[in-house]
C-alpha atoms as a PDB file:
ATOM      1  CA  UNK A   1      15.784  -9.407 -12.395  1.00  0.00           C
ATOM      2  CA  UNK A   2      17.744 -11.453 -14.931  1.00  0.00           C
ATOM      3  CA  UNK A   3      18.753 -14.985 -13.937  1.00  0.00           C
ATOM      4  CA  UNK A   4      20.403 -18.093 -15.364  1.00  0.00           C
ATOM      5  CA  UNK A   5      17.102 -19.897 -14.743  1.00  0.00           C
ATOM      6  CA  UNK A   6      14.849 -19.633 -17.789  1.00  0.00           C
ATOM      7  CA  UNK A   7      11.583 -19.785 -15.807  1.00  0.00           C
ATOM      8  CA  UNK A   8      12.595 -16.738 -13.729  1.00  0.00           C
ATOM      9  CA  UNK A   9      13.327 -14.727 -16.887  1.00  0.00           C
ATOM     10  CA  UNK A  10       9.988 -15.798 -18.382  1.00  0.00           C
ATOM     11  CA  UNK A  11       8.058 -14.660 -15.311  1.00  0.00           C
ATOM     12  CA  UNK A  12      10.125 -11.438 -15.081  1.00  0.00           C
ATOM     13  CA  UNK A  13       9.163 -10.503 -18.650  1.00  0.00           C
ATOM     14  CA  UNK A  14       5.515 -11.169 -17.772  1.00  0.00           C
ATOM     15  CA  UNK A  15       5.772  -8.948 -14.671  1.00  0.00           C
ATOM     16  CA  UNK A  16       7.344  -6.075 -16.628  1.00  0.00           C
ATOM     17  CA  UNK A  17       4.293  -6.016 -18.928  1.00  0.00           C
ATOM     18  CA  UNK A  18       2.078  -5.250 -15.908  1.00  0.00           C
ATOM     19  CA  UNK A  19       2.774  -1.544 -15.667  1.00  0.00           C
ATOM     20  CA  UNK A  20       1.457  -0.014 -12.461  1.00  0.00           C
ATOM     21  CA  UNK A  21       1.550   3.605 -11.328  1.00  0.00           C
ATOM     22  CA  UNK A  22       5.235   3.312 -10.230  1.00  0.00           C
ATOM     23  CA  UNK A  23       4.449   5.637  -7.325  1.00  0.00           C
ATOM     24  CA  UNK A  24       7.019   4.078  -4.977  1.00  0.00           C
ATOM     25  CA  UNK A  25      10.138   4.512  -7.143  1.00  0.00           C
ATOM     26  CA  UNK A  26       8.842   7.966  -8.080  1.00  0.00           C
ATOM     27  CA  UNK A  27       8.795   8.828  -4.381  1.00  0.00           C
ATOM     28  CA  UNK A  28      12.405   7.695  -4.021  1.00  0.00           C
ATOM     29  CA  UNK A  29      13.475   9.994  -6.871  1.00  0.00           C
ATOM     30  CA  UNK A  30      11.458  12.998  -5.710  1.00  0.00           C
ATOM     31  CA  UNK A  31      12.581  12.612  -2.083  1.00  0.00           C
ATOM     32  CA  UNK A  32      16.184  12.436  -3.269  1.00  0.00           C
ATOM     33  CA  UNK A  33      15.785  15.507  -5.454  1.00  0.00           C
ATOM     34  CA  UNK A  34      14.205  17.661  -2.745  1.00  0.00           C
ATOM     35  CA  UNK A  35      17.033  16.662  -0.353  1.00  0.00           C
ATOM     36  CA  UNK A  36      19.965  17.009  -2.754  1.00  0.00           C
ATOM     37  CA  UNK A  37      21.003  15.694  -6.163  1.00  0.00           C
ATOM     38  CA  UNK A  38      19.868  12.375  -7.656  1.00  0.00           C
ATOM     39  CA  UNK A  39      22.740   9.910  -8.114  1.00  0.00           C
ATOM     40  CA  UNK A  40      23.404   6.221  -8.809  1.00  0.00           C
ATOM     41  CA  UNK A  41      22.589   5.298  -5.221  1.00  0.00           C
ATOM     42  CA  UNK A  42      19.182   6.931  -5.668  1.00  0.00           C
ATOM     43  CA  UNK A  43      18.442   4.738  -8.686  1.00  0.00           C
ATOM     44  CA  UNK A  44      19.479   1.635  -6.745  1.00  0.00           C
ATOM     45  CA  UNK A  45      17.093   2.665  -3.966  1.00  0.00           C
ATOM     46  CA  UNK A  46      14.264   3.081  -6.469  1.00  0.00           C
ATOM     47  CA  UNK A  47      14.944  -0.376  -7.918  1.00  0.00           C
ATOM     48  CA  UNK A  48      15.119  -1.873  -4.414  1.00  0.00           C
ATOM     49  CA  UNK A  49      11.692  -0.611  -3.354  1.00  0.00           C
ATOM     50  CA  UNK A  50      10.052  -1.595  -6.640  1.00  0.00           C
ATOM     51  CA  UNK A  51      11.456  -5.136  -6.388  1.00  0.00           C
ATOM     52  CA  UNK A  52      10.225  -5.393  -2.796  1.00  0.00           C
ATOM     53  CA  UNK A  53       6.821  -4.005  -3.703  1.00  0.00           C
ATOM     54  CA  UNK A  54       6.470  -6.409  -6.635  1.00  0.00           C
ATOM     55  CA  UNK A  55       7.471  -9.330  -4.399  1.00  0.00           C
ATOM     56  CA  UNK A  56       4.787  -8.417  -1.860  1.00  0.00           C
ATOM     57  CA  UNK A  57       2.133  -8.126  -4.588  1.00  0.00           C
ATOM     58  CA  UNK A  58       2.988 -11.616  -5.876  1.00  0.00           C
ATOM     59  CA  UNK A  59       2.781 -13.037  -2.355  1.00  0.00           C
ATOM     60  CA  UNK A  60      -0.472 -11.147  -1.668  1.00  0.00           C
ATOM     61  CA  UNK A  61      -2.105 -12.656  -4.750  1.00  0.00           C
ATOM     62  CA  UNK A  62      -1.223 -16.138  -3.470  1.00  0.00           C
ATOM     63  CA  UNK A  63      -2.616 -15.362   0.001  1.00  0.00           C
ATOM     64  CA  UNK A  64      -5.794 -13.810  -1.469  1.00  0.00           C
ATOM     65  CA  UNK A  65      -6.119 -16.468  -4.181  1.00  0.00           C
ATOM     66  CA  UNK A  66      -6.444 -13.582  -6.678  1.00  0.00           C
ATOM     67  CA  UNK A  67      -6.928 -14.246 -10.381  1.00  0.00           C
ATOM     68  CA  UNK A  68      -6.112 -10.786 -11.752  1.00  0.00           C
ATOM     69  CA  UNK A  69      -3.507  -8.082 -11.161  1.00  0.00           C
ATOM     70  CA  UNK A  70      -3.713  -4.812 -13.151  1.00  0.00           C
ATOM     71  CA  UNK A  71      -6.047  -6.506 -15.635  1.00  0.00           C
ATOM     72  CA  UNK A  72      -3.502  -9.277 -16.311  1.00  0.00           C
ATOM     73  CA  UNK A  73      -3.783 -12.836 -15.054  1.00  0.00           C
ATOM     74  CA  UNK A  74      -1.926 -13.022 -11.736  1.00  0.00           C
ATOM     75  CA  UNK A  75       1.363 -14.930 -11.478  1.00  0.00           C
ATOM     76  CA  UNK A  76      -0.262 -17.608  -9.306  1.00  0.00           C
ATOM     77  CA  UNK A  77      -3.060 -18.086 -11.836  1.00  0.00           C
ATOM     78  CA  UNK A  78      -0.579 -18.582 -14.704  1.00  0.00           C
ATOM     79  CA  UNK A  79       2.344 -20.312 -12.963  1.00  0.00           C
ATOM     80  CA  UNK A  80       0.647 -21.724  -9.798  1.00  0.00           C
ATOM     81  CA  UNK A  81       1.238 -20.917  -6.123  1.00  0.00           C
ATOM     82  CA  UNK A  82       4.579 -22.655  -5.498  1.00  0.00           C
ATOM     83  CA  UNK A  83       6.273 -20.848  -8.377  1.00  0.00           C
ATOM     84  CA  UNK A  84       4.699 -17.544  -7.305  1.00  0.00           C
ATOM     85  CA  UNK A  85       5.966 -17.765  -3.724  1.00  0.00           C
ATOM     86  CA  UNK A  86       9.467 -18.648  -4.904  1.00  0.00           C
ATOM     87  CA  UNK A  87       9.438 -15.830  -7.491  1.00  0.00           C
ATOM     88  CA  UNK A  88       8.460 -13.352  -4.780  1.00  0.00           C
ATOM     89  CA  UNK A  89      11.311 -14.631  -2.625  1.00  0.00           C
ATOM     90  CA  UNK A  90      13.708 -14.275  -5.570  1.00  0.00           C
ATOM     91  CA  UNK A  91      12.728 -10.639  -6.206  1.00  0.00           C
ATOM     92  CA  UNK A  92      13.075  -9.742  -2.522  1.00  0.00           C
ATOM     93  CA  UNK A  93      16.503 -11.372  -2.288  1.00  0.00           C
ATOM     94  CA  UNK A  94      17.596  -9.737  -5.557  1.00  0.00           C
ATOM     95  CA  UNK A  95      16.718  -6.318  -4.180  1.00  0.00           C
ATOM     96  CA  UNK A  96      18.608  -6.961  -0.940  1.00  0.00           C
ATOM     97  CA  UNK A  97      21.635  -8.273  -2.842  1.00  0.00           C
ATOM     98  CA  UNK A  98      21.659  -5.092  -4.931  1.00  0.00           C
ATOM     99  CA  UNK A  99      22.173  -3.128  -1.717  1.00  0.00           C
ATOM    100  CA  UNK A 100      24.763  -5.562  -0.359  1.00  0.00           C
ATOM    101  CA  UNK A 101      26.785  -5.600  -3.596  1.00  0.00           C
ATOM    102  CA  UNK A 102      26.951  -1.803  -3.628  1.00  0.00           C
ATOM    103  CA  UNK A 103      27.495  -1.468   0.129  1.00  0.00           C
ATOM    104  CA  UNK A 104      24.240   0.483   0.614  1.00  0.00           C
ATOM    105  CA  UNK A 105      24.067  -0.885   4.147  1.00  0.00           C
ATOM    106  CA  UNK A 106      22.006   2.048   5.418  1.00  0.00           C
ATOM    107  CA  UNK A 107      19.223   0.945   3.069  1.00  0.00           C
ATOM    108  CA  UNK A 108      19.193  -2.568   4.516  1.00  0.00           C
ATOM    109  CA  UNK A 109      18.139  -1.526   8.014  1.00  0.00           C
ATOM    110  CA  UNK A 110      15.287   0.599   6.664  1.00  0.00           C
ATOM    111  CA  UNK A 111      14.020  -1.959   4.140  1.00  0.00           C
ATOM    112  CA  UNK A 112      14.172  -4.979   6.481  1.00  0.00           C
ATOM    113  CA  UNK A 113      12.219  -3.030   9.107  1.00  0.00           C
ATOM    114  CA  UNK A 114       9.597  -2.297   6.433  1.00  0.00           C
ATOM    115  CA  UNK A 115       9.352  -6.016   5.547  1.00  0.00           C
ATOM    116  CA  UNK A 116       8.899  -6.846   9.246  1.00  0.00           C
ATOM    117  CA  UNK A 117       6.159  -4.227   9.659  1.00  0.00           C
ATOM    118  CA  UNK A 118       4.362  -5.255   6.463  1.00  0.00           C
ATOM    119  CA  UNK A 119       4.258  -8.867   7.670  1.00  0.00           C
ATOM    120  CA  UNK A 120       2.984  -7.804  11.101  1.00  0.00           C
ATOM    121  CA  UNK A 121       0.306  -5.627   9.514  1.00  0.00           C
ATOM    122  CA  UNK A 122      -0.958  -8.439   7.287  1.00  0.00           C
ATOM    123  CA  UNK A 123      -1.024 -10.949  10.158  1.00  0.00           C
ATOM    124  CA  UNK A 124      -2.801  -8.497  12.484  1.00  0.00           C
ATOM    125  CA  UNK A 125      -5.428  -7.904   9.803  1.00  0.00           C
ATOM    126  CA  UNK A 126      -5.912 -11.665   9.360  1.00  0.00           C
ATOM    127  CA  UNK A 127      -6.261 -12.069  13.142  1.00  0.00           C
ATOM    128  CA  UNK A 128      -8.878  -9.324  13.358  1.00  0.00           C
ATOM    129  CA  UNK A 129     -10.701 -10.525  10.235  1.00  0.00           C
ATOM    130  CA  UNK A 130     -11.264 -13.893  11.891  1.00  0.00           C
ATOM    131  CA  UNK A 131     -12.827 -12.270  14.955  1.00  0.00           C
ATOM    132  CA  UNK A 132     -14.429  -9.293  13.141  1.00  0.00           C
ATOM    133  CA  UNK A 133     -13.545  -7.101  16.147  1.00  0.00           C
ATOM    134  CA  UNK A 134     -11.255  -4.491  14.627  1.00  0.00           C
ATOM    135  CA  UNK A 135     -11.600  -0.944  15.987  1.00  0.00           C
ATOM    136  CA  UNK A 136     -10.383   2.361  14.573  1.00  0.00           C
ATOM    137  CA  UNK A 137      -7.107   2.373  16.537  1.00  0.00           C
ATOM    138  CA  UNK A 138      -6.221  -1.153  15.389  1.00  0.00           C
ATOM    139  CA  UNK A 139      -7.178  -0.273  11.812  1.00  0.00           C
ATOM    140  CA  UNK A 140      -4.671   2.600  11.812  1.00  0.00           C
ATOM    141  CA  UNK A 141      -2.001   0.233  13.157  1.00  0.00           C
ATOM    142  CA  UNK A 142      -2.753  -2.263  10.381  1.00  0.00           C
ATOM    143  CA  UNK A 143      -2.531   0.245   7.540  1.00  0.00           C
ATOM    144  CA  UNK A 144       0.482   1.982   9.079  1.00  0.00           C
ATOM    145  CA  UNK A 145       2.402  -1.303   9.007  1.00  0.00           C
ATOM    146  CA  UNK A 146       0.852  -2.875   5.921  1.00  0.00           C
ATOM    147  CA  UNK A 147       0.924   0.086   3.514  1.00  0.00           C
ATOM    148  CA  UNK A 148       2.392   3.273   4.970  1.00  0.00           C
ATOM    149  CA  UNK A 149       5.617   1.572   6.114  1.00  0.00           C
ATOM    150  CA  UNK A 150       6.796   0.963   2.546  1.00  0.00           C
ATOM    151  CA  UNK A 151       5.854   4.440   1.310  1.00  0.00           C
ATOM    152  CA  UNK A 152       7.624   5.894   4.350  1.00  0.00           C
ATOM    153  CA  UNK A 153      10.642   3.726   3.472  1.00  0.00           C
ATOM    154  CA  UNK A 154      10.672   5.010  -0.130  1.00  0.00           C
ATOM    155  CA  UNK A 155      10.890   8.604   1.053  1.00  0.00           C
ATOM    156  CA  UNK A 156      13.573   7.829   3.630  1.00  0.00           C
ATOM    157  CA  UNK A 157      15.718   5.885   1.153  1.00  0.00           C
ATOM    158  CA  UNK A 158      15.426   8.667  -1.406  1.00  0.00           C
ATOM    159  CA  UNK A 159      16.516  11.306   1.094  1.00  0.00           C
ATOM    160  CA  UNK A 160      19.282   9.083   2.559  1.00  0.00           C
ATOM    161  CA  UNK A 161      20.746   8.618  -0.923  1.00  0.00           C
ATOM    162  CA  UNK A 162      21.513  12.343  -1.246  1.00  0.00           C
ATOM    163  CA  UNK A 163      21.931  13.754   2.269  1.00  0.00           C
ATOM    164  CA  UNK A 164      22.972  13.022   5.860  1.00  0.00           C
ATOM    165  CA  UNK A 165      20.708  15.805   7.141  1.00  0.00           C
ATOM    166  CA  UNK A 166      18.522  13.990   9.691  1.00  0.00           C
ATOM    167  CA  UNK A 167      15.979  16.821   9.712  1.00  0.00           C
ATOM    168  CA  UNK A 168      15.341  16.297   5.994  1.00  0.00           C
ATOM    169  CA  UNK A 169      15.211  12.514   6.373  1.00  0.00           C
ATOM    170  CA  UNK A 170      12.738  12.722   9.289  1.00  0.00           C
ATOM    171  CA  UNK A 171      10.553  15.253   7.433  1.00  0.00           C
ATOM    172  CA  UNK A 172      10.304  12.924   4.453  1.00  0.00           C
ATOM    173  CA  UNK A 173       9.683   9.942   6.725  1.00  0.00           C
ATOM    174  CA  UNK A 174       6.707  11.848   8.185  1.00  0.00           C
ATOM    175  CA  UNK A 175       5.591  12.829   4.688  1.00  0.00           C
ATOM    176  CA  UNK A 176       5.707   9.202   3.538  1.00  0.00           C
ATOM    177  CA  UNK A 177       3.852   7.903   6.589  1.00  0.00           C
ATOM    178  CA  UNK A 178       0.987  10.371   6.238  1.00  0.00           C
ATOM    179  CA  UNK A 179       0.823   9.956   2.460  1.00  0.00           C
ATOM    180  CA  UNK A 180       0.671   6.175   2.923  1.00  0.00           C
ATOM    181  CA  UNK A 181      -2.126   6.443   5.480  1.00  0.00           C
ATOM    182  CA  UNK A 182      -4.125   8.713   3.160  1.00  0.00           C
ATOM    183  CA  UNK A 183      -3.427   6.399   0.209  1.00  0.00           C
ATOM    184  CA  UNK A 184      -4.701   3.270   1.986  1.00  0.00           C
ATOM    185  CA  UNK A 185      -7.812   4.938   3.402  1.00  0.00           C
ATOM    186  CA  UNK A 186      -8.654   6.199  -0.079  1.00  0.00           C
ATOM    187  CA  UNK A 187      -8.101   2.682  -1.410  1.00  0.00           C
ATOM    188  CA  UNK A 188     -10.496   1.312   1.206  1.00  0.00           C
ATOM    189  CA  UNK A 189     -13.095   3.932   0.265  1.00  0.00           C
ATOM    190  CA  UNK A 190     -12.899   2.803  -3.373  1.00  0.00           C
ATOM    191  CA  UNK A 191     -14.163  -0.617  -2.281  1.00  0.00           C
ATOM    192  CA  UNK A 192     -17.495   1.099  -1.593  1.00  0.00           C
ATOM    193  CA  UNK A 193     -17.568   3.168  -4.783  1.00  0.00           C
ATOM    194  CA  UNK A 194     -18.377   2.175  -8.338  1.00  0.00           C
ATOM    195  CA  UNK A 195     -15.182   3.355 -10.027  1.00  0.00           C
ATOM    196  CA  UNK A 196     -12.958   0.721  -8.396  1.00  0.00           C
ATOM    197  CA  UNK A 197     -13.612  -1.769 -11.206  1.00  0.00           C
ATOM    198  CA  UNK A 198     -11.361   0.310 -13.513  1.00  0.00           C
ATOM    199  CA  UNK A 199      -8.204  -1.295 -12.125  1.00  0.00           C
ATOM    200  CA  UNK A 200      -9.668  -4.782 -11.912  1.00  0.00           C
ATOM    201  CA  UNK A 201     -10.637  -4.378  -8.239  1.00  0.00           C
ATOM    202  CA  UNK A 202     -14.333  -5.270  -8.001  1.00  0.00           C
ATOM    203  CA  UNK A 203     -16.559  -3.166  -5.771  1.00  0.00           C
ATOM    204  CA  UNK A 204     -17.137  -4.913  -2.466  1.00  0.00           C
ATOM    205  CA  UNK A 205     -13.929  -6.955  -2.673  1.00  0.00           C
ATOM    206  CA  UNK A 206     -12.947  -6.189   0.928  1.00  0.00           C
ATOM    207  CA  UNK A 207     -16.451  -7.075   2.121  1.00  0.00           C
ATOM    208  CA  UNK A 208     -16.255 -10.382   0.291  1.00  0.00           C
ATOM    209  CA  UNK A 209     -12.953 -11.107   2.070  1.00  0.00           C
ATOM    210  CA  UNK A 210     -14.546 -10.078   5.401  1.00  0.00           C
ATOM    211  CA  UNK A 211     -12.118  -7.157   5.851  1.00  0.00           C
ATOM    212  CA  UNK A 212     -13.496  -4.420   8.088  1.00  0.00           C
ATOM    213  CA  UNK A 213     -12.004  -1.085   7.003  1.00  0.00           C
ATOM    214  CA  UNK A 214     -12.550   2.500   8.176  1.00  0.00           C
ATOM    215  CA  UNK A 215     -15.864   3.221   6.361  1.00  0.00           C
ATOM    216  CA  UNK A 216     -17.473   0.170   7.981  1.00  0.00           C
ATOM    217  CA  UNK A 217     -15.774   0.624  11.368  1.00  0.00           C
ATOM    218  CA  UNK A 218     -17.188   4.150  11.646  1.00  0.00           C
ATOM    219  CA  UNK A 219     -20.652   3.044  10.507  1.00  0.00           C
ATOM    220  CA  UNK A 220     -20.787   0.183  13.027  1.00  0.00           C
ATOM    221  CA  UNK A 221     -19.961   2.662  15.786  1.00  0.00           C
ATOM    222  CA  UNK A 222     -22.930   4.876  14.903  1.00  0.00           C
ATOM    223  CA  UNK A 223     -25.696   2.260  15.294  1.00  0.00           C
ATOM    224  CA  UNK A 224     -27.050   0.158  18.135  1.00  0.00           C
ATOM    225  CA  UNK A 225     -25.159  -2.923  19.260  1.00  0.00           C
ATOM    226  CA  UNK A 226     -27.977  -5.098  17.941  1.00  0.00           C
ATOM    227  CA  UNK A 227     -27.761  -3.605  14.442  1.00  0.00           C
ATOM    228  CA  UNK A 228     -23.958  -3.727  14.461  1.00  0.00           C
ATOM    229  CA  UNK A 229     -24.002  -7.408  15.491  1.00  0.00           C
ATOM    230  CA  UNK A 230     -26.493  -8.114  12.699  1.00  0.00           C
ATOM    231  CA  UNK A 231     -24.174  -6.543  10.106  1.00  0.00           C
ATOM    232  CA  UNK A 232     -21.180  -8.478  11.480  1.00  0.00           C
ATOM    233  CA  UNK A 233     -23.169 -11.716  11.326  1.00  0.00           C
ATOM    234  CA  UNK A 234     -24.047 -11.100   7.678  1.00  0.00           C
ATOM    235  CA  UNK A 235     -20.438 -10.214   6.908  1.00  0.00           C
ATOM    236  CA  UNK A 236     -19.251 -13.435   8.558  1.00  0.00           C
ATOM    237  CA  UNK A 237     -21.791 -15.848   7.084  1.00  0.00           C
ATOM    238  CA  UNK A 238     -22.610 -14.466   3.629  1.00  0.00           C
ATOM    239  CA  UNK A 239     -20.724 -12.828   0.775  1.00  0.00           C
ATOM    240  CA  UNK A 240     -23.317 -12.918  -2.008  1.00  0.00           C
ATOM    241  CA  UNK A 241     -24.128  -9.859  -4.118  1.00  0.00           C
ATOM    242  CA  UNK A 242     -27.221  -8.897  -2.141  1.00  0.00           C
ATOM    243  CA  UNK A 243     -25.308  -8.954   1.175  1.00  0.00           C
ATOM    244  CA  UNK A 244     -22.461  -6.884  -0.293  1.00  0.00           C
ATOM    245  CA  UNK A 245     -24.986  -4.367  -1.640  1.00  0.00           C
ATOM    246  CA  UNK A 246     -26.731  -4.199   1.747  1.00  0.00           C
ATOM    247  CA  UNK A 247     -23.466  -3.536   3.615  1.00  0.00           C
ATOM    248  CA  UNK A 248     -22.443  -0.860   1.106  1.00  0.00           C
ATOM    249  CA  UNK A 249     -25.811   0.864   1.570  1.00  0.00           C
ATOM    250  CA  UNK A 250     -25.425   0.565   5.361  1.00  0.00           C
ATOM    251  CA  UNK A 251     -22.036   2.311   5.165  1.00  0.00           C
ATOM    252  CA  UNK A 252     -23.327   5.057   2.877  1.00  0.00           C
ATOM    253  CA  UNK A 253     -26.363   5.688   5.096  1.00  0.00           C
ATOM    254  CA  UNK A 254     -24.225   5.989   8.224  1.00  0.00           C
ATOM    255  CA  UNK A 255     -21.661   8.478   6.865  1.00  0.00           C
ATOM    256  CA  UNK A 256     -18.897   5.845   6.622  1.00  0.00           C
ATOM    257  CA  UNK A 257     -17.564   6.949   3.234  1.00  0.00           C
ATOM    258  CA  UNK A 258     -17.668  10.683   4.011  1.00  0.00           C
ATOM    259  CA  UNK A 259     -16.006  10.144   7.386  1.00  0.00           C
ATOM    260  CA  UNK A 260     -13.204   8.038   5.901  1.00  0.00           C
ATOM    261  CA  UNK A 261     -12.674  10.651   3.182  1.00  0.00           C
ATOM    262  CA  UNK A 262     -12.339  13.391   5.817  1.00  0.00           C
ATOM    263  CA  UNK A 263      -9.745  11.330   7.690  1.00  0.00           C
ATOM    264  CA  UNK A 264      -7.887  10.704   4.430  1.00  0.00           C
ATOM    265  CA  UNK A 265      -7.744  14.471   3.853  1.00  0.00           C
ATOM    266  CA  UNK A 266      -6.442  15.038   7.409  1.00  0.00           C
ATOM    267  CA  UNK A 267      -3.509  12.699   6.754  1.00  0.00           C
ATOM    268  CA  UNK A 268      -2.952  14.414   3.400  1.00  0.00           C
ATOM    269  CA  UNK A 269      -2.720  17.817   5.123  1.00  0.00           C
ATOM    270  CA  UNK A 270      -0.181  16.398   7.593  1.00  0.00           C
ATOM    271  CA  UNK A 271       1.854  15.129   4.638  1.00  0.00           C
ATOM    272  CA  UNK A 272       1.836  18.595   3.068  1.00  0.00           C
ATOM    273  CA  UNK A 273       2.865  20.189   6.375  1.00  0.00           C
ATOM    274  CA  UNK A 274       5.900  17.880   6.516  1.00  0.00           C
ATOM    275  CA  UNK A 275       7.227  19.581   3.377  1.00  0.00           C
ATOM    276  CA  UNK A 276       7.181  23.071   4.909  1.00  0.00           C
ATOM    277  CA  UNK A 277      10.877  22.933   5.834  1.00  0.00           C
ATOM    278  CA  UNK A 278      11.866  22.641   2.157  1.00  0.00           C
ATOM    279  CA  UNK A 279      12.178  25.677  -0.088  1.00  0.00           C
ATOM    280  CA  UNK A 280       9.770  26.038  -3.001  1.00  0.00           C
ATOM    281  CA  UNK A 281      10.782  24.089  -6.099  1.00  0.00           C
ATOM    282  CA  UNK A 282       9.372  22.013  -8.950  1.00  0.00           C
ATOM    283  CA  UNK A 283      10.114  18.901  -6.879  1.00  0.00           C
ATOM    284  CA  UNK A 284       8.120  20.220  -3.933  1.00  0.00           C
ATOM    285  CA  UNK A 285       5.219  21.034  -6.259  1.00  0.00           C
ATOM    286  CA  UNK A 286       5.416  17.490  -7.662  1.00  0.00           C
ATOM    287  CA  UNK A 287       5.231  15.952  -4.169  1.00  0.00           C
ATOM    288  CA  UNK A 288       2.293  18.183  -3.224  1.00  0.00           C
ATOM    289  CA  UNK A 289       0.565  17.248  -6.487  1.00  0.00           C
ATOM    290  CA  UNK A 290       1.077  13.582  -5.649  1.00  0.00           C
ATOM    291  CA  UNK A 291      -0.789  14.129  -2.373  1.00  0.00           C
ATOM    292  CA  UNK A 292      -3.707  15.623  -4.313  1.00  0.00           C
ATOM    293  CA  UNK A 293      -3.634  12.702  -6.754  1.00  0.00           C
ATOM    294  CA  UNK A 294      -3.799  10.181  -3.892  1.00  0.00           C
ATOM    295  CA  UNK A 295      -6.795  11.830  -2.232  1.00  0.00           C
ATOM    296  CA  UNK A 296      -8.747  12.395  -5.432  1.00  0.00           C
ATOM    297  CA  UNK A 297      -7.901   9.221  -7.395  1.00  0.00           C
ATOM    298  CA  UNK A 298     -10.778   7.116  -8.736  1.00  0.00           C
ATOM    299  CA  UNK A 299      -8.879   3.836  -9.155  1.00  0.00           C
END
């Protein structure tokens, strides 16, 4: 991340203080280990995905006009939007250059496809948020592109760094996809539960931004069209505390949270099944434990 430009180094030091879960680079390392032996290319892959992920978070905070990230002031709040967008661009280009400089050209195709899908997922969500007409099928498309694509990429890059065995690479691609789907659904459930404030994500944040996620989609499908239209109208026109509370209660009453949790578990089971081709090992246990962490996490 180091640069000859002092402002970039200043922001980079600020970013490094914001320690997240580091799940994505962990996935690169574990996927590499279960496929073969971790090497220098593996570490470059882990750095690549973390730089990309950090770049997308910085851009997301600008788009969402967010003030906080992991209980720190966001980059856009401290350094303003223009600097934030350019810093995100710098991190993305730095990650790509790392692959180019080391001739990891196989990584480039995978990572650029992930960037494309993440952009499509975000734009599709924005389109549907404006119309408030998202259905369950479209929701899965959004989270597949927006979230699961990068987790899928982490697992593929990890495996590709240690093996040419396409069966292993495809198994880990499937693992990453299903883990990512479970992860995002669980994240959307947390918006309706009280514990989400622990990571600086206020309860009802998605409702305030007029995002319709799986718990609400399912609940809207269980009531009359008149009641569903009434909820949509409130979501569109109001975002005060009483409206947020009412929508949360509506979702709880109509089995939205329980349904979404069951779907999250289904994706988690598919992720576990993807690992069946690998022999038992500490690495396999670690990946299975990560699935359990994703489905049970409280923040």
